[in-house]
Amino acid sequence: MTTHAAFTSNSELNIALHGEVLWLTITREERRNAMSHAVLHGMTQAIDAAQSERSIRAILITGAGEKAFCAGADLQTAQAFTTDYSEPHGHLAQLLRAAKASCVPLIARVNGACMAGGMGLLSMCDMAVASSHAIFGLPEVKVGVFPAQVLSVLQHLIPRRTLVEMCITGEPISSAQALQYGLVNYVDGDVDTKLQWLIDRLLDKSPAAVRRGLYTMKHVETMAFEESMAFTESQIALFTLTEDAKEGQKAFQEKRKPVWTGK
């Protein structure tokens, strides 16, 4: 991987490449991995930079320790939600935009409590694996605010009535409920073993297909039917022109494992 300033850790966010997976770990365990502006800015930069690094096949989001994935905004700070009211784009909003535009899969490793803004980090990811002891909640109403930005990425993931209940009561749900509602892909007592199993199933697939596929999925999400059909019928033609598509079909015919170039 090319050395890039965006892949440099800071005191509150550890950035490390493990094989083909870029790990972004919030290292504020004493604050239950609450989000700081340094964390949000660092994540945004890393996700943006990873788009041009073909060696990075996935980005993993997690928190240090075993108690908390992310407790949301740090309410102990004077400016928990913004640093500059004259700036129209907040740090969390910019991170959610970067995640939405990412063609590198984002995976959440939910190692503990996932609350408030932490639900935004979870929801912006394409897949999620949670520990059995993880809990999930939107407690903002308990401190007089509401999970506004989080709704942009959460509202289509879980049933509407469940979402309303979580928002207006502020009460958490268990990992079992999160799995039932489709908020996470898997729940396991050994979160890292299950996580590695999921990553392995991703890494042996065509990098080009995954990259272009995520691009396609994210663009058709808000399109009307005819618009999405016009877009996807042109996209499928482009898929077939990649080196990976040609290699995949050749490998299938020759009954062997494909050797991907990612192009």
Foldseek 3Di string as FASTA:
>chain_A
DDDDPLQPDDPQWHWDDDFQEIETEGEPVVQLSADDLVSLVSLLSNLQVVQPVLSRQEYEQAYPDQAHRYAYFRPVDPCRWADDPVDPDGSLNSSLVSLLQGLRAYEYETRHEQEQCSLLVLLSGPAYEYEQHHKYAYQVVVVPDWSVSSCVRCVPQFDNVVVVCRTPVGDIDGPVVCCVRRSHVYYYNPSVVVVVVVVVVRVLAQLQCSSLVSVLVSVCVPDDDVVNVVVVVVSVVVVCPDPRNVQVVVCVVVVHRGDYPND
